[in-house]
Amino acid sequence: MSDQKNNVVSLPTSTCCVEKCGKKGDRLSFCPEHYMWFKEGLVNKKGQRPLDFDKKFQAFQMKKAA
């Protein structure tokens, strides 16, 4: 029994790739909230905000409120 190889692969625990977010990353290394941001164009694949983030975020909030 000591000859058996350990065939269990441990997956790395991934956290959300957006800056200052410590939540668990589910889809594409984003937490559910930031995945929605990614879909709306508020962050890129690396989790970085665009230069016109404020403008896009205001439009996102108005769309969400409607």
N, C-alpha and C. Protein backbone atom coordinates (compact mmCIF):
# COMPACT_ATOMS: atom_id res chain seq x y z
N MET A 1 0.81 -1.19 0.00
CA MET A 1 0.00 0.00 0.00
C MET A 1 0.86 1.26 0.00
N SER A 2 2.05 1.19 0.49
CA SER A 2 2.90 2.37 0.50
C SER A 2 3.42 2.68 -0.90
N ASP A 3 3.25 1.74 -1.86
CA ASP A 3 3.70 1.95 -3.23
C ASP A 3 2.73 2.81 -4.05
N GLN A 4 1.47 2.93 -3.58
CA GLN A 4 0.46 3.64 -4.36
C GLN A 4 0.83 5.11 -4.53
N LYS A 5 0.57 5.58 -5.73
CA LYS A 5 0.82 6.99 -6.02
C LYS A 5 -0.41 7.80 -5.64
N ASN A 6 -0.16 9.00 -5.23
CA ASN A 6 -1.26 9.90 -4.90
C ASN A 6 -1.77 10.51 -6.19
N ASN A 7 -2.95 10.10 -6.64
CA ASN A 7 -3.49 10.60 -7.89
C ASN A 7 -4.50 11.73 -7.70
N VAL A 8 -4.50 12.34 -6.53
CA VAL A 8 -5.39 13.46 -6.28
C VAL A 8 -4.66 14.74 -6.66
N VAL A 9 -5.29 15.51 -7.53
CA VAL A 9 -4.70 16.76 -7.97
C VAL A 9 -5.38 17.89 -7.22
N SER A 10 -4.59 18.72 -6.55
CA SER A 10 -5.19 19.83 -5.84
C SER A 10 -5.26 21.03 -6.77
N LEU A 11 -6.43 21.60 -6.88
CA LEU A 11 -6.63 22.76 -7.72
C LEU A 11 -6.28 24.01 -6.92
N PRO A 12 -5.61 24.95 -7.55
CA PRO A 12 -5.28 26.16 -6.82
C PRO A 12 -6.53 26.97 -6.49
N THR A 13 -6.58 27.50 -5.31
CA THR A 13 -7.73 28.32 -4.95
C THR A 13 -7.57 29.66 -5.63
N SER A 14 -8.52 29.98 -6.45
CA SER A 14 -8.42 31.22 -7.21
C SER A 14 -9.32 32.27 -6.57
N THR A 15 -8.77 33.43 -6.46
CA THR A 15 -9.55 34.56 -5.98
C THR A 15 -9.84 35.47 -7.16
N CYS A 16 -10.77 36.33 -6.98
CA CYS A 16 -11.16 37.26 -8.04
C CYS A 16 -9.94 38.10 -8.45
N CYS A 17 -9.76 38.30 -9.75
CA CYS A 17 -8.57 38.99 -10.24
C CYS A 17 -8.70 40.50 -10.23
N VAL A 18 -9.85 41.03 -9.81
CA VAL A 18 -10.02 42.48 -9.71
C VAL A 18 -9.30 42.98 -8.47
N GLU A 19 -8.66 44.12 -8.60
CA GLU A 19 -7.86 44.69 -7.52
C GLU A 19 -8.72 44.91 -6.26
N LYS A 20 -8.18 44.54 -5.13
CA LYS A 20 -8.79 44.71 -3.80
C LYS A 20 -10.06 43.87 -3.61
N CYS A 21 -10.21 42.79 -4.34
CA CYS A 21 -11.34 41.89 -4.15
C CYS A 21 -10.79 40.55 -3.69
N GLY A 22 -11.22 40.08 -2.55
CA GLY A 22 -10.72 38.83 -2.02
C GLY A 22 -11.70 37.68 -2.11
N LYS A 23 -12.79 37.88 -2.85
CA LYS A 23 -13.81 36.84 -2.98
C LYS A 23 -13.32 35.72 -3.89
N LYS A 24 -13.96 34.59 -3.79
CA LYS A 24 -13.60 33.43 -4.61
C LYS A 24 -14.02 33.67 -6.06
N GLY A 25 -13.11 33.41 -6.99
CA GLY A 25 -13.39 33.57 -8.41
C GLY A 25 -14.06 32.34 -8.98
N ASP A 26 -15.25 32.49 -9.53
CA ASP A 26 -15.99 31.37 -10.09
C ASP A 26 -15.79 31.25 -11.60
N ARG A 27 -16.12 32.30 -12.32
CA ARG A 27 -16.04 32.28 -13.78
C ARG A 27 -14.90 33.18 -14.25
N LEU A 28 -14.03 32.64 -15.07
CA LEU A 28 -12.91 33.39 -15.64
C LEU A 28 -12.12 34.14 -14.58
N SER A 29 -12.01 33.57 -13.40
CA SER A 29 -11.30 34.16 -12.25
C SER A 29 -11.96 35.44 -11.74
N PHE A 30 -13.26 35.57 -11.91
CA PHE A 30 -14.03 36.70 -11.37
C PHE A 30 -15.05 36.18 -10.37
N CYS A 31 -15.32 36.98 -9.33
CA CYS A 31 -16.43 36.67 -8.43
C CYS A 31 -17.72 37.02 -9.20
N PRO A 32 -18.89 36.60 -8.73
CA PRO A 32 -20.12 36.87 -9.48
C PRO A 32 -20.36 38.35 -9.79
N GLU A 33 -20.07 39.24 -8.84
CA GLU A 33 -20.28 40.67 -9.06
C GLU A 33 -19.34 41.20 -10.15
N HIS A 34 -18.08 40.86 -10.06
CA HIS A 34 -17.13 41.37 -11.03
C HIS A 34 -17.24 40.66 -12.38
N TYR A 35 -17.81 39.47 -12.42
CA TYR A 35 -18.08 38.83 -13.71
C TYR A 35 -19.12 39.65 -14.47
N MET A 36 -20.12 40.15 -13.74
CA MET A 36 -21.12 41.02 -14.37
C MET A 36 -20.44 42.29 -14.88
N TRP A 37 -19.51 42.82 -14.13
CA TRP A 37 -18.76 44.00 -14.56
C TRP A 37 -17.99 43.69 -15.85
N PHE A 38 -17.37 42.50 -15.90
CA PHE A 38 -16.62 42.09 -17.09
C PHE A 38 -17.55 42.02 -18.30
N LYS A 39 -18.72 41.45 -18.12
CA LYS A 39 -19.67 41.34 -19.23
C LYS A 39 -20.12 42.71 -19.72
N GLU A 40 -20.20 43.69 -18.81
CA GLU A 40 -20.64 45.03 -19.17
C GLU A 40 -19.50 45.93 -19.63
N GLY A 41 -18.26 45.43 -19.59
CA GLY A 41 -17.12 46.21 -20.07
C GLY A 41 -16.49 47.11 -19.02
N LEU A 42 -16.79 46.87 -17.74
CA LEU A 42 -16.22 47.70 -16.68
C LEU A 42 -14.82 47.27 -16.28
N VAL A 43 -14.45 46.03 -16.57
CA VAL A 43 -13.09 45.54 -16.34
C VAL A 43 -12.70 44.65 -17.52
N ASN A 44 -11.39 44.51 -17.75
CA ASN A 44 -10.92 43.64 -18.83
C ASN A 44 -10.61 42.25 -18.27
N LYS A 45 -10.07 41.37 -19.09
CA LYS A 45 -9.79 39.99 -18.67
C LYS A 45 -8.81 39.91 -17.52
N LYS A 46 -7.94 40.90 -17.41
CA LYS A 46 -6.94 40.91 -16.34
C LYS A 46 -7.47 41.55 -15.07
N GLY A 47 -8.70 42.08 -15.10
CA GLY A 47 -9.29 42.71 -13.93
C GLY A 47 -8.98 44.18 -13.81
N GLN A 48 -8.45 44.78 -14.87
CA GLN A 48 -8.10 46.19 -14.85
C GLN A 48 -9.27 47.04 -15.34
N ARG A 49 -9.42 48.21 -14.73
CA ARG A 49 -10.49 49.12 -15.12
C ARG A 49 -10.06 49.95 -16.32
N PRO A 50 -11.00 50.29 -17.22
CA PRO A 50 -10.65 51.14 -18.37
C PRO A 50 -10.48 52.59 -17.93
N LEU A 51 -9.97 53.41 -18.82
CA LEU A 51 -9.75 54.83 -18.51
C LEU A 51 -11.07 55.56 -18.26
N ASP A 52 -12.13 55.17 -18.96
CA ASP A 52 -13.43 55.82 -18.79
C ASP A 52 -14.35 55.02 -17.87
N PHE A 53 -13.77 54.46 -16.81
CA PHE A 53 -14.52 53.61 -15.88
C PHE A 53 -15.70 54.34 -15.25
N ASP A 54 -15.48 55.58 -14.81
CA ASP A 54 -16.55 56.33 -14.13
C ASP A 54 -17.78 56.50 -15.02
N LYS A 55 -17.55 56.83 -16.27
CA LYS A 55 -18.64 57.01 -17.24
C LYS A 55 -19.39 55.70 -17.45
N LYS A 56 -18.63 54.62 -17.64
CA LYS A 56 -19.25 53.31 -17.86
C LYS A 56 -19.98 52.82 -16.62
N PHE A 57 -19.43 53.09 -15.43
CA PHE A 57 -20.05 52.64 -14.19
C PHE A 57 -21.37 53.37 -13.95
N GLN A 58 -21.41 54.67 -14.25
CA GLN A 58 -22.66 55.42 -14.10
C GLN A 58 -23.73 54.89 -15.05
N ALA A 59 -23.35 54.58 -16.28
CA ALA A 59 -24.29 54.02 -17.25
C ALA A 59 -24.77 52.64 -16.78
N PHE A 60 -23.86 51.85 -16.21
CA PHE A 60 -24.20 50.52 -15.69
C PHE A 60 -25.22 50.64 -14.55
N GLN A 61 -25.00 51.59 -13.63
CA GLN A 61 -25.92 51.77 -12.51
C GLN A 61 -27.30 52.23 -12.98
N MET A 62 -27.34 53.13 -13.97
CA MET A 62 -28.63 53.58 -14.48
C MET A 62 -29.37 52.45 -15.17
N LYS A 63 -28.64 51.63 -15.92
CA LYS A 63 -29.24 50.48 -16.60
C LYS A 63 -29.76 49.47 -15.59
N LYS A 64 -29.00 49.26 -14.52
CA LYS A 64 -29.39 48.31 -13.48
C LYS A 64 -30.61 48.80 -12.71
N ALA A 65 -30.73 50.12 -12.49
CA ALA A 65 -31.84 50.69 -11.74
C ALA A 65 -33.15 50.66 -12.55
N ALA A 66 -33.04 50.69 -13.87
CA ALA A 66 -34.23 50.72 -14.72
C ALA A 66 -34.93 49.40 -14.81
